[in-house]
N, C-alpha and C. Protein backbone atom coordinates (compact mmCIF):
# COMPACT_ATOMS: atom_id res chain seq x y z
N MET A 1 -171.97 122.65 35.45
CA MET A 1 -171.14 122.27 34.32
C MET A 1 -171.49 123.12 33.10
N LYS A 2 -170.49 123.51 32.38
CA LYS A 2 -170.69 124.28 31.16
C LYS A 2 -170.73 123.33 29.96
N SER A 3 -171.49 123.71 28.96
CA SER A 3 -171.60 122.86 27.77
C SER A 3 -170.32 122.86 26.94
N THR A 4 -169.40 123.76 27.23
CA THR A 4 -168.15 123.80 26.47
C THR A 4 -167.07 122.93 27.10
N GLU A 5 -167.39 122.28 28.21
CA GLU A 5 -166.41 121.40 28.85
C GLU A 5 -166.11 120.23 27.93
N PRO A 6 -164.87 119.73 27.97
CA PRO A 6 -164.49 118.61 27.09
C PRO A 6 -165.38 117.38 27.21
N ALA A 7 -165.81 117.05 28.41
CA ALA A 7 -166.66 115.87 28.59
C ALA A 7 -167.99 116.05 27.86
N CYS A 8 -168.56 117.25 27.95
CA CYS A 8 -169.82 117.53 27.27
C CYS A 8 -169.63 117.47 25.75
N GLN A 9 -168.57 118.07 25.27
CA GLN A 9 -168.29 118.06 23.83
C GLN A 9 -168.11 116.64 23.32
N TYR A 10 -167.40 115.82 24.09
CA TYR A 10 -167.19 114.42 23.71
C TYR A 10 -168.52 113.68 23.64
N GLU A 11 -169.38 113.87 24.64
CA GLU A 11 -170.69 113.22 24.66
C GLU A 11 -171.55 113.65 23.48
N LEU A 12 -171.52 114.93 23.16
CA LEU A 12 -172.29 115.44 22.02
C LEU A 12 -171.78 114.84 20.71
N LYS A 13 -170.47 114.77 20.54
CA LYS A 13 -169.89 114.19 19.32
C LYS A 13 -170.23 112.72 19.20
N ALA A 14 -170.15 111.99 20.30
CA ALA A 14 -170.46 110.56 20.28
C ALA A 14 -171.93 110.33 19.90
N ALA A 15 -172.83 111.12 20.47
CA ALA A 15 -174.25 110.99 20.15
C ALA A 15 -174.51 111.34 18.69
N ARG A 16 -173.84 112.38 18.21
CA ARG A 16 -174.00 112.78 16.81
C ARG A 16 -173.49 111.69 15.86
N ASP A 17 -172.35 111.08 16.22
CA ASP A 17 -171.83 109.97 15.42
C ASP A 17 -172.84 108.83 15.33
N ALA A 18 -173.41 108.47 16.47
CA ALA A 18 -174.39 107.38 16.50
C ALA A 18 -175.62 107.72 15.65
N MET A 19 -176.10 108.96 15.77
CA MET A 19 -177.27 109.36 15.00
C MET A 19 -176.99 109.36 13.50
N GLU A 20 -175.78 109.74 13.10
CA GLU A 20 -175.40 109.71 11.69
C GLU A 20 -175.50 108.31 11.11
N VAL A 21 -175.10 107.33 11.89
CA VAL A 21 -175.06 105.94 11.40
C VAL A 21 -176.46 105.35 11.29
N ILE A 22 -177.36 105.68 12.21
CA ILE A 22 -178.69 105.05 12.21
C ILE A 22 -179.79 106.00 11.76
N GLN A 23 -179.42 107.17 11.25
CA GLN A 23 -180.43 108.15 10.85
C GLN A 23 -181.27 107.65 9.68
N GLY A 24 -182.39 108.28 9.52
CA GLY A 24 -183.25 107.98 8.38
C GLY A 24 -184.38 107.04 8.73
N LYS A 25 -185.24 106.89 7.79
CA LYS A 25 -186.46 106.11 7.97
C LYS A 25 -186.21 104.61 7.93
N TRP A 26 -185.16 104.15 7.24
CA TRP A 26 -185.05 102.74 6.93
C TRP A 26 -183.93 101.98 7.63
N ARG A 27 -182.92 102.64 8.11
CA ARG A 27 -181.76 101.91 8.66
C ARG A 27 -182.11 101.10 9.90
N VAL A 28 -182.86 101.68 10.81
CA VAL A 28 -183.23 100.94 12.02
C VAL A 28 -184.10 99.73 11.66
N PRO A 29 -185.12 99.86 10.81
CA PRO A 29 -185.89 98.67 10.45
C PRO A 29 -185.03 97.59 9.76
N ILE A 30 -184.06 97.99 8.96
CA ILE A 30 -183.18 97.00 8.32
C ILE A 30 -182.36 96.26 9.38
N VAL A 31 -181.79 97.01 10.32
CA VAL A 31 -181.00 96.39 11.38
C VAL A 31 -181.88 95.45 12.20
N ILE A 32 -183.09 95.89 12.53
CA ILE A 32 -184.01 95.03 13.29
C ILE A 32 -184.30 93.75 12.51
N SER A 33 -184.54 93.87 11.22
CA SER A 33 -184.78 92.68 10.39
C SER A 33 -183.61 91.71 10.48
N LEU A 34 -182.40 92.24 10.45
CA LEU A 34 -181.22 91.38 10.47
C LEU A 34 -180.88 90.85 11.86
N THR A 35 -181.52 91.37 12.91
CA THR A 35 -181.30 90.78 14.24
C THR A 35 -181.90 89.38 14.31
N TYR A 36 -182.75 89.04 13.35
CA TYR A 36 -183.35 87.71 13.31
C TYR A 36 -182.52 86.72 12.50
N GLY A 37 -181.35 87.15 12.05
CA GLY A 37 -180.44 86.26 11.34
C GLY A 37 -180.11 86.74 9.94
N LYS A 38 -179.24 85.97 9.28
CA LYS A 38 -178.81 86.29 7.91
C LYS A 38 -180.01 86.28 6.99
N LYS A 39 -180.01 87.22 6.05
CA LYS A 39 -181.14 87.31 5.11
C LYS A 39 -180.65 87.73 3.74
N ARG A 40 -181.40 87.30 2.75
CA ARG A 40 -181.17 87.76 1.39
C ARG A 40 -181.98 89.04 1.17
N PHE A 41 -181.64 89.73 0.09
CA PHE A 41 -182.26 91.01 -0.23
C PHE A 41 -183.79 90.91 -0.20
N GLY A 42 -184.33 89.91 -0.88
CA GLY A 42 -185.79 89.74 -0.96
C GLY A 42 -186.43 89.50 0.39
N GLU A 43 -185.73 88.81 1.27
CA GLU A 43 -186.27 88.56 2.61
C GLU A 43 -186.36 89.85 3.41
N ILE A 44 -185.33 90.67 3.30
CA ILE A 44 -185.35 91.97 3.99
C ILE A 44 -186.47 92.82 3.41
N HIS A 45 -186.62 92.79 2.10
CA HIS A 45 -187.68 93.57 1.44
C HIS A 45 -189.05 93.11 1.88
N ARG A 46 -189.24 91.81 2.07
CA ARG A 46 -190.53 91.31 2.55
C ARG A 46 -190.80 91.77 3.99
N ASP A 47 -189.74 91.88 4.80
CA ASP A 47 -189.90 92.37 6.17
C ASP A 47 -190.29 93.84 6.19
N ILE A 48 -189.82 94.60 5.20
CA ILE A 48 -190.04 96.05 5.14
C ILE A 48 -190.65 96.37 3.77
N PRO A 49 -191.91 96.03 3.55
CA PRO A 49 -192.48 96.15 2.20
C PRO A 49 -192.61 97.57 1.67
N ASP A 50 -192.61 98.58 2.54
CA ASP A 50 -192.78 99.97 2.08
C ASP A 50 -191.52 100.56 1.45
N ILE A 51 -190.37 99.92 1.64
CA ILE A 51 -189.12 100.45 1.09
C ILE A 51 -188.98 100.03 -0.37
N SER A 52 -188.52 100.94 -1.20
CA SER A 52 -188.29 100.59 -2.61
C SER A 52 -187.00 99.78 -2.72
N PRO A 53 -186.89 98.93 -3.74
CA PRO A 53 -185.65 98.17 -3.92
C PRO A 53 -184.42 99.07 -4.03
N LYS A 54 -184.56 100.20 -4.72
CA LYS A 54 -183.43 101.12 -4.87
C LYS A 54 -182.99 101.67 -3.52
N MET A 55 -183.95 102.09 -2.70
CA MET A 55 -183.63 102.64 -1.38
C MET A 55 -183.04 101.56 -0.48
N LEU A 56 -183.58 100.36 -0.54
CA LEU A 56 -183.04 99.25 0.26
C LEU A 56 -181.60 99.00 -0.11
N SER A 57 -181.31 98.99 -1.39
CA SER A 57 -179.94 98.79 -1.85
C SER A 57 -179.01 99.89 -1.33
N GLN A 58 -179.46 101.14 -1.42
CA GLN A 58 -178.64 102.26 -0.93
C GLN A 58 -178.39 102.17 0.57
N GLU A 59 -179.42 101.83 1.31
CA GLU A 59 -179.28 101.75 2.77
C GLU A 59 -178.41 100.58 3.18
N LEU A 60 -178.51 99.45 2.47
CA LEU A 60 -177.64 98.32 2.76
C LEU A 60 -176.18 98.69 2.53
N LYS A 61 -175.93 99.41 1.44
CA LYS A 61 -174.55 99.86 1.16
C LYS A 61 -174.03 100.78 2.26
N ALA A 62 -174.89 101.70 2.72
CA ALA A 62 -174.47 102.62 3.79
C ALA A 62 -174.19 101.86 5.09
N LEU A 63 -175.03 100.90 5.42
CA LEU A 63 -174.80 100.11 6.64
C LEU A 63 -173.54 99.27 6.52
N GLU A 64 -173.26 98.78 5.31
CA GLU A 64 -172.03 98.02 5.08
C GLU A 64 -170.81 98.93 5.21
N GLU A 65 -170.88 100.13 4.66
CA GLU A 65 -169.77 101.09 4.76
C GLU A 65 -169.47 101.45 6.22
N ASN A 66 -170.51 101.47 7.05
CA ASN A 66 -170.34 101.78 8.46
C ASN A 66 -170.05 100.53 9.30
N LYS A 67 -169.82 99.42 8.62
CA LYS A 67 -169.43 98.16 9.26
C LYS A 67 -170.46 97.62 10.24
N LEU A 68 -171.74 97.90 9.97
CA LEU A 68 -172.81 97.35 10.78
C LEU A 68 -173.33 96.04 10.21
N ILE A 69 -173.16 95.86 8.89
CA ILE A 69 -173.58 94.61 8.25
C ILE A 69 -172.47 94.12 7.32
N THR A 70 -172.56 92.83 7.02
CA THR A 70 -171.67 92.25 6.01
C THR A 70 -172.53 91.80 4.83
N ARG A 71 -171.91 91.79 3.70
CA ARG A 71 -172.54 91.33 2.46
C ARG A 71 -171.68 90.17 1.96
N THR A 72 -172.28 88.99 1.89
CA THR A 72 -171.54 87.80 1.47
C THR A 72 -172.10 87.28 0.15
N LEU A 73 -171.22 87.16 -0.84
CA LEU A 73 -171.59 86.61 -2.15
C LEU A 73 -171.24 85.13 -2.18
N TYR A 74 -172.19 84.31 -2.62
CA TYR A 74 -171.96 82.87 -2.76
C TYR A 74 -171.90 82.54 -4.24
N ASP A 75 -170.92 81.76 -4.61
CA ASP A 75 -170.73 81.36 -6.00
C ASP A 75 -171.72 80.25 -6.34
N SER A 76 -172.89 80.66 -6.75
CA SER A 76 -173.93 79.71 -7.11
C SER A 76 -174.65 80.25 -8.34
N MET A 77 -175.53 79.47 -8.88
CA MET A 77 -176.31 79.89 -10.04
C MET A 77 -177.76 79.93 -9.66
N PRO A 78 -178.44 81.04 -9.60
CA PRO A 78 -177.88 82.38 -9.72
C PRO A 78 -177.05 82.74 -8.48
N VAL A 79 -176.29 83.82 -8.59
CA VAL A 79 -175.46 84.27 -7.48
C VAL A 79 -176.35 84.59 -6.28
N THR A 80 -175.94 84.14 -5.13
CA THR A 80 -176.68 84.39 -3.89
C THR A 80 -175.91 85.42 -3.06
N VAL A 81 -176.64 86.39 -2.52
CA VAL A 81 -176.05 87.40 -1.65
C VAL A 81 -176.80 87.37 -0.34
N GLU A 82 -176.05 87.29 0.75
CA GLU A 82 -176.64 87.31 2.08
C GLU A 82 -176.11 88.50 2.88
N TYR A 83 -176.99 89.06 3.69
CA TYR A 83 -176.62 90.16 4.57
C TYR A 83 -176.75 89.68 6.00
N ALA A 84 -175.82 90.12 6.84
CA ALA A 84 -175.84 89.76 8.26
C ALA A 84 -175.26 90.89 9.07
N LEU A 85 -175.66 90.95 10.33
CA LEU A 85 -175.10 91.95 11.22
C LEU A 85 -173.69 91.55 11.63
N THR A 86 -172.83 92.52 11.73
CA THR A 86 -171.49 92.32 12.27
C THR A 86 -171.60 92.39 13.80
N PRO A 87 -170.53 92.07 14.52
CA PRO A 87 -170.57 92.28 15.97
C PRO A 87 -170.90 93.74 16.33
N LEU A 88 -170.40 94.68 15.56
CA LEU A 88 -170.73 96.08 15.80
C LEU A 88 -172.22 96.32 15.60
N GLY A 89 -172.80 95.73 14.56
CA GLY A 89 -174.23 95.85 14.32
C GLY A 89 -175.05 95.20 15.42
N MET A 90 -174.58 94.04 15.90
CA MET A 90 -175.28 93.35 16.98
C MET A 90 -175.25 94.17 18.26
N SER A 91 -174.23 95.02 18.41
CA SER A 91 -174.14 95.83 19.62
C SER A 91 -175.28 96.86 19.69
N LEU A 92 -176.01 97.05 18.61
CA LEU A 92 -177.15 97.96 18.61
C LEU A 92 -178.40 97.36 19.25
N ARG A 93 -178.40 96.06 19.51
CA ARG A 93 -179.60 95.39 20.02
C ARG A 93 -180.14 96.04 21.29
N GLU A 94 -179.27 96.31 22.24
CA GLU A 94 -179.72 96.92 23.51
C GLU A 94 -180.30 98.30 23.25
N LEU A 95 -179.63 99.08 22.42
CA LEU A 95 -180.13 100.41 22.08
C LEU A 95 -181.50 100.32 21.41
N LEU A 96 -181.67 99.38 20.49
CA LEU A 96 -182.94 99.22 19.79
C LEU A 96 -184.04 98.78 20.74
N ASN A 97 -183.71 97.92 21.71
CA ASN A 97 -184.70 97.53 22.72
C ASN A 97 -185.15 98.73 23.52
N GLU A 98 -184.19 99.57 23.94
CA GLU A 98 -184.53 100.78 24.69
C GLU A 98 -185.34 101.75 23.83
N LEU A 99 -184.99 101.87 22.57
CA LEU A 99 -185.72 102.74 21.66
C LEU A 99 -187.16 102.25 21.50
N ARG A 100 -187.33 100.95 21.37
CA ARG A 100 -188.67 100.37 21.25
C ARG A 100 -189.47 100.61 22.54
N ASN A 101 -188.83 100.42 23.70
CA ASN A 101 -189.52 100.66 24.97
C ASN A 101 -189.94 102.12 25.10
N TRP A 102 -189.04 103.03 24.70
CA TRP A 102 -189.39 104.44 24.76
C TRP A 102 -190.53 104.74 23.78
N GLY A 103 -190.51 104.12 22.61
CA GLY A 103 -191.57 104.31 21.63
C GLY A 103 -192.93 103.89 22.17
N LYS A 104 -192.96 102.78 22.91
CA LYS A 104 -194.22 102.34 23.54
C LYS A 104 -194.69 103.36 24.57
N TYR A 105 -193.74 103.86 25.38
CA TYR A 105 -194.06 104.87 26.38
C TYR A 105 -194.57 106.14 25.69
N PHE A 106 -193.89 106.57 24.64
CA PHE A 106 -194.29 107.76 23.90
C PHE A 106 -195.70 107.60 23.33
N ARG A 107 -195.95 106.47 22.71
CA ARG A 107 -197.28 106.22 22.15
C ARG A 107 -198.36 106.32 23.23
N ASN A 108 -198.08 105.73 24.37
CA ASN A 108 -199.04 105.74 25.46
C ASN A 108 -199.25 107.15 26.01
N GLU A 109 -198.17 107.88 26.22
CA GLU A 109 -198.24 109.21 26.84
C GLU A 109 -198.72 110.31 25.89
N ILE A 110 -198.28 110.27 24.66
CA ILE A 110 -198.55 111.38 23.74
C ILE A 110 -199.57 111.00 22.67
N ILE A 111 -199.24 109.99 21.89
CA ILE A 111 -200.12 109.64 20.77
C ILE A 111 -201.46 109.13 21.26
N GLY A 112 -201.46 108.39 22.36
CA GLY A 112 -202.70 107.85 22.92
C GLY A 112 -203.66 108.94 23.39
N GLN A 113 -203.13 110.14 23.64
CA GLN A 113 -203.95 111.24 24.13
C GLN A 113 -204.47 112.12 23.00
N LEU A 114 -204.03 111.89 21.78
CA LEU A 114 -204.47 112.76 20.68
C LEU A 114 -205.86 112.44 20.24
């Protein structure tokens, strides 16, 4: 098979699309945090203490734009905002499980030998 075949090009584009959506240091940890249920900004920040509030806000907006999470405002005093995974975001669970399994394998095979 040649890499210029339509099937190969389609697979490459699909993989690139997926990587664009979950790229970066923080998006996967945010999605993992939200797999445990709806959370407010502070709860997500407590799950991922190394992220700055500004970066968390930017990443939440990007995940919302890509329809992986929803942002719900509640009319209360003070205003309450909750974040949750959409069905599209929940569809990442299997991928994240496989990524975690591969990470364990990688740590054992490579990092464990350093």
